[in-house]
């Protein structure tokens, strides 16, 4: 990390970040950290059960109680679900699947050759903005973006002669910080709109026809994509790179090295293979097998549901074609060795998933996350804020909850039935209410200590670029960008509200006449 040389006074911000970095670096390793958290949650569940903690779920009207880990029910749960908690940990399969594809292309030399061919003359100052735009729009692929964009950002930076660690931060922040923003309508829009419509019926009744659609936040999110891209790009160039300092690792790409004739041939063949594969996918979407059978579109289609293996096949096809052309892959034994080496590179992440999977499953089983969301919503409702202070308070509440519950749909399932009816009675449109939730739900994704992809990125950095980097250093380098983006997004939303602009097609700020 870049430190002051003592010739000038260290800023208050740098002292604060340094304190956070040192404190977090003293935490146990990720494996032991989540083991400790498992014990803490188990004890809290016992205490909460002893106190009789229970709240009404506004989504169902039923009472939610704490499940005590130190009970017969808890013993039965852990013994019957222990293996499932590990192998069923959502990010485990996704990360390992994507790692195999990317690592194959790296080992055969495809990534190296592609970067040497494509980065000549690239304006390094523009690169962070390109990565930020790709990462922000990457939520079209949901969590896959958090796995793909950071390591590819590192490779792109290295190809441009800049620190791959800075590129990793740029990719990580863009893929998570602006998760709700997009230039296009994504699956997240449809998912949240469905929950919002269910929340509308809490107020208007089950037969209500008034509802929002998937595009209800599109105007605002389209503009937010530009905002987040500019913030992440600027912060990468002017804050993150300054704090990280020059790259001192051994792995650095020599972009001046000319491509050999064999490498050029390999790139041509890999490019043809990619083109053919893309044509097959597009044909599958338009012909029907990969499209949504009801609408014929991409949203909700087999293409999006199967995007992870489709991306893997793309990497495998291009990597194998290139590897066989340049002679790196001569037999299936060579391919097997590449797969084995790819999996071995993520051994630390697999170990992390073992304890993180148990903690995540326990946290969900005890109902503590649900109770936290319900209690926060009840508190904000009791405070009785109105107008802009209420908007800001709602966003801050979601920010806090997001540190412990990373699933955006899960949080909105509990918060929506409280906030949508409450703010509709104040004459606010449910599309605006949903938008406020999304602003709080996104930026701190990059900071959440329970996000498995945070530890995946740290594992990649440790494996390839800096074996000594710890969690505190990673978090401290992300905090300034997250803070700037969160504040800017809130201010942007308030300015949008004061301007009276619709947040999407047919989605004004206030309810149409006659709804209530």
Protein backbone atom coordinates (compact mmCIF):
# COMPACT_ATOMS: atom_id res chain seq x y z
CA UNK A 1 0.00 0.00 0.00
CA UNK A 2 1.26 3.47 -0.78
CA UNK A 3 2.21 5.34 2.44
CA UNK A 4 3.28 8.90 3.07
CA UNK A 5 7.01 9.36 3.22
CA UNK A 6 6.79 11.54 6.32
CA UNK A 7 7.46 14.82 4.53
CA UNK A 8 3.83 15.91 4.86
CA UNK A 9 1.09 15.47 7.40
CA UNK A 10 -1.03 12.35 7.00
CA UNK A 11 -4.68 13.26 6.40
CA UNK A 12 -7.44 12.36 8.82
CA UNK A 13 -8.99 10.11 6.18
CA UNK A 14 -5.75 8.21 5.69
CA UNK A 15 -5.33 7.81 9.46
CA UNK A 16 -8.88 6.46 9.70
CA UNK A 17 -8.36 4.06 6.81
CA UNK A 18 -5.03 2.99 8.28
CA UNK A 19 -6.73 2.23 11.58
CA UNK A 20 -9.43 0.17 9.87
CA UNK A 21 -6.79 -1.65 7.86
CA UNK A 22 -4.68 -2.52 10.91
CA UNK A 23 -7.70 -3.60 12.94
CA UNK A 24 -9.14 -5.82 10.20
CA UNK A 25 -5.72 -7.29 9.42
CA UNK A 26 -5.62 -8.59 12.99
CA UNK A 27 -8.76 -10.64 12.38
CA UNK A 28 -8.32 -14.41 12.05
CA UNK A 29 -7.98 -16.01 8.62
CA UNK A 30 -11.26 -16.23 6.68
CA UNK A 31 -11.59 -19.93 7.58
CA UNK A 32 -11.28 -19.29 11.31
CA UNK A 33 -13.21 -16.01 11.13
CA UNK A 34 -16.37 -17.73 9.95
CA UNK A 35 -15.86 -20.54 12.43
CA UNK A 36 -15.79 -17.91 15.18
CA UNK A 37 -18.86 -16.20 13.71
CA UNK A 38 -20.66 -19.55 13.70
CA UNK A 39 -20.09 -19.87 17.43
CA UNK A 40 -21.17 -16.26 18.07
CA UNK A 41 -24.43 -16.68 16.10
CA UNK A 42 -25.12 -19.95 17.90
CA UNK A 43 -24.74 -18.23 21.29
CA UNK A 44 -26.87 -15.26 20.20
CA UNK A 45 -29.61 -17.65 19.07
CA UNK A 46 -29.57 -19.27 22.51
CA UNK A 47 -29.77 -15.90 24.31
CA UNK A 48 -32.52 -14.61 21.99
CA UNK A 49 -34.51 -17.81 22.51
CA UNK A 50 -34.15 -17.47 26.29
CA UNK A 51 -35.48 -13.89 26.00
CA UNK A 52 -38.44 -15.06 23.90
CA UNK A 53 -37.61 -12.79 20.95
CA UNK A 54 -40.33 -12.89 18.28
CA UNK A 55 -41.76 -10.50 15.70
CA UNK A 56 -44.57 -10.53 13.14
CA UNK A 57 -43.47 -11.03 9.54
CA UNK A 58 -45.27 -8.28 7.57
CA UNK A 59 -45.08 -10.38 4.41
CA UNK A 60 -47.08 -13.29 5.85
CA UNK A 61 -48.64 -11.95 9.05
CA UNK A 62 -47.15 -14.91 10.94
CA UNK A 63 -44.97 -14.78 14.04
CA UNK A 64 -41.22 -15.28 13.49
CA UNK A 65 -39.29 -16.77 16.41
CA UNK A 66 -35.61 -17.50 16.96
CA UNK A 67 -34.42 -21.05 16.52
CA UNK A 68 -32.01 -22.10 19.24
CA UNK A 69 -28.91 -23.90 17.98
CA UNK A 70 -28.33 -25.43 21.43
CA UNK A 71 -31.47 -27.53 21.33
CA UNK A 72 -32.61 -30.89 20.03
CA UNK A 73 -33.86 -29.13 16.89
CA UNK A 74 -30.48 -27.46 16.42
CA UNK A 75 -28.57 -30.71 16.91
CA UNK A 76 -30.78 -32.46 14.37
CA UNK A 77 -30.35 -29.61 11.90
CA UNK A 78 -26.55 -29.47 12.02
CA UNK A 79 -26.05 -33.24 11.83
CA UNK A 80 -28.43 -33.70 8.90
CA UNK A 81 -27.31 -30.61 6.99
CA UNK A 82 -23.57 -30.35 7.71
CA UNK A 83 -22.38 -31.74 4.37
CA UNK A 84 -25.18 -30.00 2.47
CA UNK A 85 -24.20 -26.64 4.01
CA UNK A 86 -20.75 -27.03 2.45
CA UNK A 87 -21.43 -28.53 -0.97
CA UNK A 88 -24.60 -26.47 -1.35
CA UNK A 89 -22.85 -23.17 -0.61
CA UNK A 90 -24.06 -21.11 -3.58
CA UNK A 91 -20.79 -19.44 -4.53
CA UNK A 92 -18.65 -22.60 -4.35
CA UNK A 93 -19.75 -24.11 -7.65
CA UNK A 94 -19.93 -20.74 -9.42
CA UNK A 95 -16.42 -19.68 -8.43
CA UNK A 96 -14.79 -23.03 -9.20
CA UNK A 97 -16.61 -23.27 -12.53
CA UNK A 98 -15.50 -19.82 -13.69
CA UNK A 99 -11.99 -20.40 -12.32
CA UNK A 100 -11.54 -23.48 -14.49
CA UNK A 101 -12.46 -21.54 -17.63
CA UNK A 102 -10.36 -18.43 -16.94
CA UNK A 103 -7.40 -20.44 -15.64
CA UNK A 104 -7.39 -22.68 -18.69
CA UNK A 105 -7.10 -19.66 -20.99
CA UNK A 106 -4.30 -18.27 -18.83
CA UNK A 107 -2.29 -21.49 -18.67
CA UNK A 108 -2.35 -22.12 -22.42
CA UNK A 109 -1.19 -18.54 -23.05
CA UNK A 110 -4.38 -17.26 -24.69
CA UNK A 111 -4.85 -14.41 -22.20
CA UNK A 112 -1.20 -13.38 -22.49
CA UNK A 113 -1.31 -13.31 -26.31
CA UNK A 114 -4.68 -11.55 -26.40
CA UNK A 115 -3.49 -8.82 -24.05
CA UNK A 116 -0.25 -8.30 -25.95
CA UNK A 117 -2.21 -7.96 -29.18
CA UNK A 118 -5.01 -5.74 -27.88
CA UNK A 119 -3.37 -3.41 -25.36
CA UNK A 120 -0.96 -1.67 -27.66
CA UNK A 121 -1.77 2.03 -27.66
CA UNK A 122 -4.50 1.66 -25.04
CA UNK A 123 -5.06 4.83 -23.02
CA UNK A 124 -4.45 3.61 -19.47
CA UNK A 125 -6.45 6.46 -17.94
CA UNK A 126 -9.59 5.38 -19.83
CA UNK A 127 -9.28 1.69 -18.90
CA UNK A 128 -10.87 1.99 -15.41
CA UNK A 129 -13.95 3.64 -16.90
CA UNK A 130 -14.33 0.81 -19.43
CA UNK A 131 -14.05 -1.83 -16.71
CA UNK A 132 -16.42 0.14 -14.48
CA UNK A 133 -19.06 0.29 -17.21
CA UNK A 134 -18.74 -3.44 -17.94
CA UNK A 135 -18.90 -4.31 -14.23
CA UNK A 136 -21.88 -2.05 -13.55
CA UNK A 137 -23.85 -3.54 -16.45
CA UNK A 138 -22.62 -7.02 -15.54
CA UNK A 139 -25.53 -7.67 -13.18
CA UNK A 140 -27.26 -8.95 -16.31
CA UNK A 141 -25.30 -12.09 -15.40
CA UNK A 142 -26.13 -11.75 -11.69
CA UNK A 143 -23.36 -13.04 -9.34
CA UNK A 144 -21.32 -14.31 -12.28
CA UNK A 145 -20.17 -10.73 -12.77
CA UNK A 146 -18.51 -10.67 -9.32
CA UNK A 147 -16.50 -13.74 -10.27
CA UNK A 148 -15.51 -12.76 -13.81
CA UNK A 149 -14.91 -9.00 -13.86
CA UNK A 150 -12.36 -8.59 -10.99
CA UNK A 151 -9.76 -11.11 -12.27
CA UNK A 152 -10.27 -9.97 -15.86
CA UNK A 153 -9.87 -6.37 -14.69
CA UNK A 154 -6.56 -7.34 -13.11
CA UNK A 155 -5.37 -8.90 -16.36
CA UNK A 156 -6.48 -5.86 -18.38
CA UNK A 157 -4.56 -3.51 -16.07
CA UNK A 158 -1.49 -5.70 -16.28
CA UNK A 159 -1.74 -5.66 -20.06
CA UNK A 160 -1.84 -1.85 -19.96
CA UNK A 161 1.28 -1.76 -17.78
CA UNK A 162 -0.61 -0.87 -14.59
CA UNK A 163 -0.93 -2.70 -11.28
CA UNK A 164 -3.15 -5.80 -11.57
CA UNK A 165 -4.12 -5.31 -7.92
CA UNK A 166 -5.63 -1.92 -8.79
CA UNK A 167 -7.43 -3.58 -11.69
CA UNK A 168 -8.80 -6.19 -9.29
CA UNK A 169 -10.18 -3.44 -7.04
CA UNK A 170 -11.69 -1.64 -10.02
CA UNK A 171 -13.42 -4.79 -11.23
CA UNK A 172 -14.62 -5.76 -7.76
CA UNK A 173 -16.09 -2.36 -6.97
CA UNK A 174 -17.83 -1.93 -10.32
CA UNK A 175 -19.37 -5.41 -10.21
CA UNK A 176 -20.80 -4.92 -6.72
CA UNK A 177 -21.09 -1.22 -5.94
CA UNK A 178 -23.47 -0.50 -8.82
CA UNK A 179 -25.26 -3.84 -8.81
CA UNK A 180 -28.72 -2.29 -9.25
CA UNK A 181 -27.70 0.10 -12.03
CA UNK A 182 -27.75 -0.94 -15.66
CA UNK A 183 -28.24 0.41 -19.15
CA UNK A 184 -30.65 -2.46 -19.78
CA UNK A 185 -33.53 -4.19 -18.01
CA UNK A 186 -32.03 -7.03 -15.99
CA UNK A 187 -33.34 -10.01 -14.09
CA UNK A 188 -33.00 -8.04 -10.85
CA UNK A 189 -35.60 -5.57 -12.12
CA UNK A 190 -38.14 -8.34 -12.69
CA UNK A 191 -37.42 -10.03 -9.38
CA UNK A 192 -37.81 -6.88 -7.27
CA UNK A 193 -40.87 -5.71 -9.22
CA UNK A 194 -42.58 -9.00 -8.41
CA UNK A 195 -41.94 -8.52 -4.68
CA UNK A 196 -43.09 -4.89 -4.91
CA UNK A 197 -46.37 -5.98 -6.50
CA UNK A 198 -46.93 -8.47 -3.70
CA UNK A 199 -46.32 -5.64 -1.21
CA UNK A 200 -48.84 -3.42 -3.02
CA UNK A 201 -51.52 -6.04 -2.41
CA UNK A 202 -50.85 -5.81 1.34
CA UNK A 203 -52.41 -2.33 1.17
CA UNK A 204 -54.83 -2.54 -1.76
CA UNK A 205 -55.97 -6.13 -1.30
CA UNK A 206 -55.39 -9.36 -3.26
CA UNK A 207 -57.62 -8.29 -6.15
CA UNK A 208 -55.76 -5.02 -6.82
CA UNK A 209 -54.78 -4.46 -10.44
CA UNK A 210 -52.39 -1.56 -9.80
CA UNK A 211 -48.79 -2.76 -10.12
CA UNK A 212 -45.31 -1.89 -11.35
CA UNK A 213 -43.38 -3.58 -14.15
CA UNK A 214 -39.75 -4.53 -14.68
CA UNK A 215 -38.93 -1.17 -16.31
CA UNK A 216 -40.31 0.96 -13.47
CA UNK A 217 -36.82 2.14 -12.39
CA UNK A 218 -35.16 2.13 -15.79
CA UNK A 219 -34.80 5.91 -16.39
CA UNK A 220 -33.10 6.43 -13.05
CA UNK A 221 -30.93 3.29 -13.25
CA UNK A 222 -29.81 4.14 -16.79
CA UNK A 223 -28.50 7.51 -15.58
CA UNK A 224 -27.10 5.88 -12.42
CA UNK A 225 -24.96 3.60 -14.58
CA UNK A 226 -23.17 6.63 -15.95
CA UNK A 227 -22.81 8.08 -12.44
CA UNK A 228 -21.33 4.89 -10.96
CA UNK A 229 -19.03 4.39 -13.94
CA UNK A 230 -17.58 7.89 -13.56
CA UNK A 231 -17.15 7.51 -9.80
CA UNK A 232 -15.43 4.12 -9.92
CA UNK A 233 -13.21 5.16 -12.83
CA UNK A 234 -12.17 8.42 -11.18
CA UNK A 235 -11.57 6.83 -7.78
CA UNK A 236 -9.48 4.07 -9.35
CA UNK A 237 -7.20 6.58 -11.09
CA UNK A 238 -6.94 9.13 -8.30
CA UNK A 239 -7.52 7.31 -4.98
CA UNK A 240 -7.06 3.55 -5.21
CA UNK A 241 -3.93 3.54 -7.37
CA UNK A 242 -2.32 6.19 -5.18
CA UNK A 243 -3.03 4.21 -2.02
CA UNK A 244 -2.03 0.80 -3.41
CA UNK A 245 1.20 2.14 -4.88
CA UNK A 246 3.38 0.65 -7.65
CA UNK A 247 3.09 -3.06 -8.32
CA UNK A 248 6.09 -4.98 -7.02
CA UNK A 249 5.08 -8.52 -7.90
CA UNK A 250 6.93 -10.80 -10.26
CA UNK A 251 3.93 -11.50 -12.50
CA UNK A 252 3.94 -8.66 -15.00
CA UNK A 253 3.10 -8.91 -18.68
CA UNK A 254 5.61 -7.63 -21.22
CA UNK A 255 3.34 -5.98 -23.78
CA UNK A 256 6.30 -5.05 -25.97
CA UNK A 257 7.05 -8.69 -26.76
CA UNK A 258 5.88 -9.36 -30.33
CA UNK A 259 3.53 -12.23 -31.11
CA UNK A 260 4.97 -15.25 -32.85
CA UNK A 261 3.41 -16.63 -36.03
CA UNK A 262 2.11 -19.61 -34.05
CA UNK A 263 0.48 -17.31 -31.47
CA UNK A 264 -1.18 -15.28 -34.22
CA UNK A 265 -2.49 -18.49 -35.77
CA UNK A 266 -3.82 -19.59 -32.38
CA UNK A 267 -5.61 -16.29 -31.88
CA UNK A 268 -7.19 -16.51 -35.33
CA UNK A 269 -8.47 -20.03 -34.73
CA UNK A 270 -9.72 -19.15 -31.24
CA UNK A 271 -11.47 -16.10 -32.70
CA UNK A 272 -13.20 -18.24 -35.34
CA UNK A 273 -14.26 -20.73 -32.67
CA UNK A 274 -15.67 -17.88 -30.55
CA UNK A 275 -17.57 -16.48 -33.53
CA UNK A 276 -19.11 -19.85 -34.36
CA UNK A 277 -20.07 -20.37 -30.71
CA UNK A 278 -21.66 -16.91 -30.53
CA UNK A 279 -23.67 -17.59 -33.69
CA UNK A 280 -24.96 -20.86 -32.19
CA UNK A 281 -26.01 -19.06 -28.97
CA UNK A 282 -27.75 -16.23 -30.82
CA UNK A 283 -29.51 -18.75 -33.05
CA UNK A 284 -30.59 -20.63 -29.94
CA UNK A 285 -32.13 -17.48 -28.51
CA UNK A 286 -33.97 -16.46 -31.68
CA UNK A 287 -34.95 -20.01 -32.65
CA UNK A 288 -36.49 -20.58 -29.25
CA UNK A 289 -34.59 -23.24 -27.22
CA UNK A 290 -32.68 -20.62 -25.22
CA UNK A 291 -35.45 -17.98 -25.11
CA UNK A 292 -38.21 -17.50 -22.57
CA UNK A 293 -40.93 -19.94 -23.70
CA UNK A 294 -43.70 -17.56 -22.62
CA UNK A 295 -42.42 -14.23 -23.94
CA UNK A 296 -39.80 -15.28 -26.49
CA UNK A 297 -37.42 -12.74 -24.89
CA UNK A 298 -34.17 -12.97 -22.94
CA UNK A 299 -35.49 -12.06 -19.45
CA UNK A 300 -36.32 -15.29 -17.63
CA UNK A 301 -34.89 -17.36 -20.49
CA UNK A 302 -32.83 -20.54 -20.44
CA UNK A 303 -29.97 -18.41 -21.78
CA UNK A 304 -29.80 -16.39 -18.55
CA UNK A 305 -30.53 -19.37 -16.31
CA UNK A 306 -27.74 -21.33 -17.97
CA UNK A 307 -25.33 -18.43 -18.37
CA UNK A 308 -22.67 -19.93 -16.09
CA UNK A 309 -22.09 -23.13 -18.09
CA UNK A 310 -22.46 -21.19 -21.35
CA UNK A 311 -19.64 -18.84 -20.30
CA UNK A 312 -17.56 -21.81 -19.15
CA UNK A 313 -18.02 -23.53 -22.54
CA UNK A 314 -16.90 -20.32 -24.24
CA UNK A 315 -13.66 -20.24 -22.24
CA UNK A 316 -13.07 -23.96 -22.72
CA UNK A 317 -13.64 -23.90 -26.48
CA UNK A 318 -11.39 -20.88 -27.07
CA UNK A 319 -8.73 -22.10 -24.64
CA UNK A 320 -8.58 -25.64 -26.02
CA UNK A 321 -8.49 -24.45 -29.64
CA UNK A 322 -5.66 -22.03 -28.87
CA UNK A 323 -3.79 -24.54 -26.69
CA UNK A 324 -3.86 -27.25 -29.37
CA UNK A 325 -2.80 -24.78 -32.05
CA UNK A 326 0.28 -23.55 -30.16
CA UNK A 327 1.13 -27.05 -28.92
CA UNK A 328 0.49 -26.56 -25.20
CA UNK A 329 -2.30 -29.15 -25.23
CA UNK A 330 -1.09 -32.30 -26.96
CA UNK A 331 -3.33 -34.88 -25.28
CA UNK A 332 -6.15 -35.25 -22.80
CA UNK A 333 -3.51 -35.72 -20.10
CA UNK A 334 -2.30 -32.14 -20.64
CA UNK A 335 -5.89 -30.91 -20.31
CA UNK A 336 -6.34 -32.88 -17.09
CA UNK A 337 -3.21 -31.30 -15.61
CA UNK A 338 -4.51 -27.82 -16.46
CA UNK A 339 -7.85 -28.54 -14.75
CA UNK A 340 -6.08 -29.90 -11.69
CA UNK A 341 -3.81 -26.87 -11.43
CA UNK A 342 -6.81 -24.54 -11.82
CA UNK A 343 -8.64 -26.21 -8.94
CA UNK A 344 -5.50 -26.23 -6.78
CA UNK A 345 -5.18 -22.46 -7.19
CA UNK A 346 -8.51 -22.02 -5.35
CA UNK A 347 -7.75 -24.39 -2.46
CA UNK A 348 -7.88 -21.57 0.09
CA UNK A 349 -11.30 -20.50 -1.21
CA UNK A 350 -12.63 -24.06 -0.92
CA UNK A 351 -11.44 -24.16 2.69
CA UNK A 352 -13.17 -20.83 3.30
CA UNK A 353 -16.43 -22.19 1.83
CA UNK A 354 -16.35 -25.06 4.33
CA UNK A 355 -16.77 -22.78 7.36
CA UNK A 356 -18.58 -19.92 5.57
CA UNK A 357 -21.19 -22.38 4.33
CA UNK A 358 -21.91 -23.53 7.88
CA UNK A 359 -22.15 -19.94 9.16
CA UNK A 360 -24.41 -18.77 6.32
CA UNK A 361 -26.74 -21.74 6.75
CA UNK A 362 -26.92 -21.25 10.53
CA UNK A 363 -27.63 -17.54 10.21
CA UNK A 364 -30.54 -18.30 7.89
CA UNK A 365 -31.82 -21.23 9.98
CA UNK A 366 -31.92 -19.25 13.25
CA UNK A 367 -34.13 -16.54 11.62
CA UNK A 368 -31.86 -13.84 13.08
CA UNK A 369 -31.49 -12.17 9.67
CA UNK A 370 -35.27 -12.03 9.19
CA UNK A 371 -35.77 -10.61 12.67
CA UNK A 372 -33.06 -8.00 12.04
CA UNK A 373 -34.83 -6.83 8.88
CA UNK A 374 -38.26 -6.75 10.53
CA UNK A 375 -36.96 -4.92 13.61
CA UNK A 376 -35.23 -2.32 11.45
CA UNK A 377 -38.36 -1.71 9.43
CA UNK A 378 -40.49 -1.43 12.58
CA UNK A 379 -38.04 1.05 14.08
CA UNK A 380 -38.02 3.28 11.01
CA UNK A 381 -41.80 3.18 10.88
CA UNK A 382 -42.00 4.20 14.55
CA UNK A 383 -39.60 7.14 14.04
CA UNK A 384 -42.26 8.66 11.76
CA UNK A 385 -39.96 10.60 9.45
CA UNK A 386 -41.45 12.26 6.39
CA UNK A 387 -40.14 13.54 3.07
CA UNK A 388 -36.41 13.58 2.31
CA UNK A 389 -35.30 12.66 5.89
CA UNK A 390 -37.46 9.54 5.61
CA UNK A 391 -35.92 8.68 2.23
CA UNK A 392 -32.39 8.97 3.62
CA UNK A 393 -33.30 7.00 6.77
CA UNK A 394 -34.72 4.17 4.64
CA UNK A 395 -31.54 4.00 2.55
CA UNK A 396 -29.34 3.99 5.67
CA UNK A 397 -31.38 1.16 7.21
CA UNK A 398 -30.96 -0.93 4.06
CA UNK A 399 -27.21 -0.17 4.05
CA UNK A 400 -26.92 -1.51 7.60
CA UNK A 401 -28.94 -4.66 6.94
CA UNK A 402 -27.04 -5.26 3.69
CA UNK A 403 -23.83 -5.79 5.66
CA UNK A 404 -25.36 -8.95 7.14
CA UNK A 405 -27.82 -10.08 4.44
CA UNK A 406 -26.43 -9.94 0.92
CA UNK A 407 -29.49 -11.30 -0.90
CA UNK A 408 -31.34 -8.29 -2.32
CA UNK A 409 -34.56 -10.21 -2.93
CA UNK A 410 -34.57 -11.69 0.60
CA UNK A 411 -34.28 -8.26 2.22
CA UNK A 412 -36.97 -6.73 0.01
CA UNK A 413 -39.28 -9.66 0.80
CA UNK A 414 -39.30 -8.55 4.44
CA UNK A 415 -38.92 -4.79 4.01
CA UNK A 416 -41.24 -4.32 1.03
CA UNK A 417 -44.50 -5.23 2.83
CA UNK A 418 -43.64 -2.56 5.45
CA UNK A 419 -42.32 0.31 3.35
CA UNK A 420 -44.46 0.00 0.23
CA UNK A 421 -47.84 0.33 2.05
CA UNK A 422 -46.43 2.90 4.48
CA UNK A 423 -45.11 5.23 1.78
CA UNK A 424 -48.04 4.63 -0.56
CA UNK A 425 -50.29 6.03 2.16
CA UNK A 426 -48.08 9.13 1.96
CA UNK A 427 -48.89 9.27 -1.78
CA UNK A 428 -45.50 7.97 -3.05
CA UNK A 429 -45.41 5.64 -6.03
CA UNK A 430 -44.15 2.09 -5.27
CA UNK A 431 -41.57 2.44 -8.08
CA UNK A 432 -39.96 5.32 -6.15
CA UNK A 433 -40.04 3.30 -2.92
CA UNK A 434 -38.38 0.34 -4.64
CA UNK A 435 -35.74 2.68 -6.07
CA UNK A 436 -34.79 3.94 -2.60
CA UNK A 437 -34.34 0.36 -1.46
CA UNK A 438 -32.07 -0.41 -4.40
CA UNK A 439 -29.82 2.58 -3.68
CA UNK A 440 -29.12 1.25 -0.20
CA UNK A 441 -28.85 -2.35 -1.33
CA UNK A 442 -25.98 -1.90 -3.81
CA UNK A 443 -22.80 -0.02 -2.76
CA UNK A 444 -22.09 -1.90 0.47
CA UNK A 445 -22.21 -5.21 -1.44
CA UNK A 446 -18.51 -4.55 -2.01
CA UNK A 447 -17.93 -4.22 1.74
CA UNK A 448 -20.15 -6.92 3.23
CA UNK A 449 -18.10 -9.26 5.46
CA UNK A 450 -20.46 -12.13 4.63
CA UNK A 451 -20.00 -11.85 0.85
CA UNK A 452 -18.18 -15.00 -0.37
CA UNK A 453 -16.97 -13.20 -3.49
CA UNK A 454 -14.99 -10.75 -1.35
CA UNK A 455 -12.90 -13.67 -0.08
CA UNK A 456 -12.67 -15.12 -3.58
CA UNK A 457 -11.07 -11.88 -4.81
CA UNK A 458 -8.72 -11.86 -1.83
CA UNK A 459 -7.76 -15.47 -2.61
CA UNK A 460 -6.98 -14.55 -6.23
CA UNK A 461 -4.83 -11.61 -5.11
CA UNK A 462 -2.96 -13.84 -2.63
CA UNK A 463 -2.45 -16.57 -5.21
CA UNK A 464 -1.25 -14.39 -8.10
CA UNK A 465 -0.22 -10.90 -7.09
CA UNK A 466 0.37 -10.33 -3.37
CA UNK A 467 0.55 -13.31 -1.02
CA UNK A 468 0.69 -11.02 2.02
CA UNK A 469 -2.44 -8.95 1.43
CA UNK A 470 -5.00 -9.37 4.20
CA UNK A 471 -8.68 -8.61 4.53
CA UNK A 472 -8.08 -5.24 6.23
CA UNK A 473 -5.95 -3.94 3.37
CA UNK A 474 -8.52 -5.07 0.82
CA UNK A 475 -11.42 -3.40 2.67
CA UNK A 476 -9.52 -0.18 3.43
CA UNK A 477 -8.75 0.34 -0.26
CA UNK A 478 -12.45 -0.08 -1.14
CA UNK A 479 -14.01 2.15 1.53
CA UNK A 480 -13.35 5.61 -0.04
CA UNK A 481 -14.95 4.66 -3.36
CA UNK A 482 -17.91 3.01 -1.63
CA UNK A 483 -18.48 6.05 0.58
CA UNK A 484 -18.26 8.52 -2.31
CA UNK A 485 -20.59 6.42 -4.47
CA UNK A 486 -23.15 5.92 -1.71
CA UNK A 487 -23.33 9.62 -0.84
CA UNK A 488 -23.39 10.65 -4.50
CA UNK A 489 -26.18 8.18 -5.27
CA UNK A 490 -28.33 9.47 -2.38
CA UNK A 491 -27.77 13.09 -3.46
CA UNK A 492 -28.55 12.13 -7.05
CA UNK A 493 -31.83 10.51 -5.97
CA UNK A 494 -32.84 13.55 -3.91
CA UNK A 495 -32.07 15.87 -6.84
CA UNK A 496 -34.12 13.60 -9.10
CA UNK A 497 -37.02 13.74 -6.65
CA UNK A 498 -36.86 17.53 -6.32
CA UNK A 499 -36.85 17.81 -10.11
CA UNK A 500 -40.05 15.74 -10.19
CA UNK A 501 -38.79 13.37 -12.90
CA UNK A 502 -40.39 9.94 -13.48
CA UNK A 503 -38.12 7.04 -12.47
CA UNK A 504 -39.28 4.81 -15.31
CA UNK A 505 -41.87 4.43 -18.06
CA UNK A 506 -45.25 5.10 -16.48
CA UNK A 507 -43.65 5.41 -13.05
CA UNK A 508 -44.00 8.93 -11.57
CA UNK A 509 -42.88 9.87 -8.08
CA UNK A 510 -46.40 10.07 -6.69
CA UNK A 511 -49.44 7.83 -6.98
CA UNK A 512 -51.89 8.48 -9.81
CA UNK A 513 -55.24 9.89 -8.76
CA UNK A 514 -57.78 7.33 -7.61
CA UNK A 515 -55.41 4.54 -6.54
CA UNK A 516 -56.21 5.08 -2.87
